[in-house]
Amino acid sequence: KHNSNDGIGGKIASHRHEGLKEFSLQLLTTDSIPPSYYYTKIRTLDVSYNELSTLPGLASLSNLEVLCIKRNWFNQLPIEIGKLCKLREIDASRNFLKPNMESLRLEDLKENLTHLKVLDVSLNQKCRTAD
């Protein structure tokens, strides 16, 4: 199941509740559109409610504004998140993030994501207590 539509301001790619254990940018493509063109059109990526712990190739989604990775298995925010300078909202709730700079990539968020308005890391199992 792949949902993609022309929402206001661009495409929405959704792979919610699919039981994904691995992510690939090929999940976002169609046969009729060149991948590099398609990636630049995606404004929202929702891969919530899966079993993902990485998002390889995330930086290819250069115009991404909303990233929803809630209810997955992330123990740190995706490594390429600092390259997504147009991000306005990140929902990383209900993962396994730790309350430290490395896990939350706070330096990348502060330096590169100047449009970021919402960072939801609530209900992360590891954020409840520092270790």
Protein backbone atom coordinates (compact mmCIF):
# COMPACT_ATOMS: atom_id res chain seq x y z
CA LYS A 1 0.00 0.00 0.00
CA HIS A 2 1.48 3.32 -1.03
CA ASN A 3 -0.36 6.57 -0.55
CA SER A 4 0.89 9.52 -2.45
CA ASN A 5 -1.12 12.49 -3.49
CA ASP A 6 -0.83 16.10 -4.47
CA GLY A 7 -1.57 17.86 -1.22
CA ILE A 8 -1.24 21.57 -0.75
CA GLY A 9 2.37 22.44 -1.51
CA GLY A 10 3.41 19.02 -2.76
CA LYS A 11 3.26 15.29 -2.33
CA ILE A 12 2.50 13.25 0.75
CA ALA A 13 4.12 9.83 0.98
CA SER A 14 2.58 7.57 3.60
CA HIS A 15 3.58 4.06 4.63
CA ARG A 16 1.75 3.84 7.96
CA HIS A 17 0.98 0.52 9.58
CA GLU A 18 2.80 -1.53 6.94
CA GLY A 19 5.00 -3.59 9.24
CA LEU A 20 8.12 -2.22 7.56
CA LYS A 21 11.38 -3.40 9.09
CA GLU A 22 13.57 -1.67 6.48
CA PHE A 23 13.13 1.56 4.56
CA SER A 24 14.18 2.22 0.99
CA LEU A 25 13.58 5.25 -1.22
CA GLN A 26 12.26 2.81 -3.84
CA LEU A 27 9.12 2.58 -1.69
CA LEU A 28 8.40 6.17 -2.70
CA THR A 29 8.79 5.90 -6.47
CA THR A 30 6.46 5.07 -9.30
CA ASP A 31 7.42 3.63 -12.68
CA SER A 32 6.22 6.67 -14.58
CA ILE A 33 8.19 9.38 -12.73
CA PRO A 34 11.99 9.61 -12.47
CA PRO A 35 12.97 9.04 -8.81
CA SER A 36 15.09 12.18 -8.44
CA TYR A 37 12.21 14.35 -9.67
CA TYR A 38 9.71 12.60 -7.45
CA TYR A 39 11.87 12.92 -4.32
CA THR A 40 12.02 16.70 -4.64
CA LYS A 41 8.20 16.89 -4.71
CA ILE A 42 7.61 15.09 -1.40
CA ARG A 43 6.74 17.54 1.37
CA THR A 44 5.45 15.05 3.98
CA LEU A 45 6.79 11.59 4.80
CA ASP A 46 4.81 9.43 7.21
CA VAL A 47 6.35 6.08 8.10
CA SER A 48 4.78 5.85 11.55
CA TYR A 49 3.63 2.60 13.16
CA ASN A 50 6.32 0.36 11.67
CA GLU A 51 9.50 -1.28 13.00
CA LEU A 52 12.06 1.07 11.42
CA SER A 53 15.29 2.16 13.07
CA THR A 54 16.93 3.92 10.08
CA LEU A 55 15.87 5.94 7.04
CA PRO A 56 18.67 5.58 4.46
CA GLY A 57 18.59 8.17 1.70
CA LEU A 58 16.46 10.60 3.69
CA ALA A 59 18.57 13.57 2.52
CA SER A 60 17.28 12.97 -1.04
CA LEU A 61 13.93 14.38 0.08
CA SER A 62 15.33 17.91 -0.07
CA ASN A 63 11.98 19.71 0.20
CA LEU A 64 10.63 17.67 3.09
CA GLU A 65 8.71 19.81 5.58
CA VAL A 66 7.02 17.21 7.80
CA LEU A 67 8.57 13.94 8.99
CA CYS A 68 6.49 11.51 11.01
CA ILE A 69 8.42 8.54 12.41
CA LYS A 70 6.34 7.91 15.52
CA ARG A 71 5.94 4.40 16.94
CA ASN A 72 9.04 2.89 15.39
CA TRP A 73 12.30 1.57 16.83
CA PHE A 74 14.58 4.61 16.45
CA ASN A 75 17.17 5.00 19.22
CA GLN A 76 18.42 8.21 17.60
CA LEU A 77 16.99 10.60 15.05
CA PRO A 78 17.99 9.71 11.46
CA ILE A 79 21.58 10.70 10.72
CA GLU A 80 20.63 12.71 7.59
CA ILE A 81 18.03 14.81 9.39
CA GLY A 82 20.36 17.82 9.60
CA LYS A 83 20.43 18.04 5.79
CA LEU A 84 16.67 18.62 5.57
CA CYS A 85 16.80 22.38 6.03
CA LYS A 86 13.11 22.90 5.15
CA LEU A 87 11.79 20.66 7.94
CA ARG A 88 9.13 22.40 10.01
CA GLU A 89 7.84 19.45 12.01
CA ILE A 90 9.27 16.18 13.31
CA ASP A 91 7.12 13.68 15.17
CA ALA A 92 9.46 11.12 16.71
CA SER A 93 7.20 10.21 19.61
CA ARG A 94 6.99 6.66 20.95
CA ASN A 95 10.41 5.41 19.87
CA PHE A 96 13.50 4.52 21.89
CA LEU A 97 15.27 7.89 21.82
CA LYS A 98 17.60 8.77 24.68
CA PRO A 99 17.75 12.20 26.32
CA ASN A 100 21.19 13.18 25.00
CA MET A 101 22.74 15.30 22.25
CA GLU A 102 23.73 12.35 20.06
CA SER A 103 20.40 10.56 20.12
CA LEU A 104 18.37 13.73 19.50
CA ARG A 105 20.95 15.30 17.14
CA LEU A 106 20.41 18.64 18.86
CA GLU A 107 23.42 20.31 17.23
CA ASP A 108 22.16 19.45 13.73
CA LEU A 109 18.65 20.62 14.60
CA LYS A 110 19.87 23.90 16.07
CA GLU A 111 22.38 24.76 13.34
CA ASN A 112 20.62 23.55 10.19
CA LEU A 113 16.89 23.33 10.79
CA THR A 114 16.03 26.99 11.19
CA HIS A 115 12.39 26.44 10.11
CA LEU A 116 11.74 23.71 12.69
CA LYS A 117 8.72 24.63 14.82
CA VAL A 118 7.67 21.24 16.26
CA LEU A 119 9.88 18.46 17.62
CA ASP A 120 7.78 15.83 19.37
CA VAL A 121 9.88 13.30 21.28
CA SER A 122 7.21 12.53 23.85
CA LEU A 123 6.65 9.06 25.24
CA ASN A 124 10.05 7.76 24.23
CA GLN A 125 10.86 4.84 26.45
CA LYS A 126 14.46 5.93 27.00
CA CYS A 127 13.68 9.66 27.45
CA ARG A 128 11.92 8.97 30.73
CA THR A 129 15.20 8.47 32.59
CA ALA A 130 18.72 9.55 31.72
CA ASP A 131 21.26 6.76 31.33
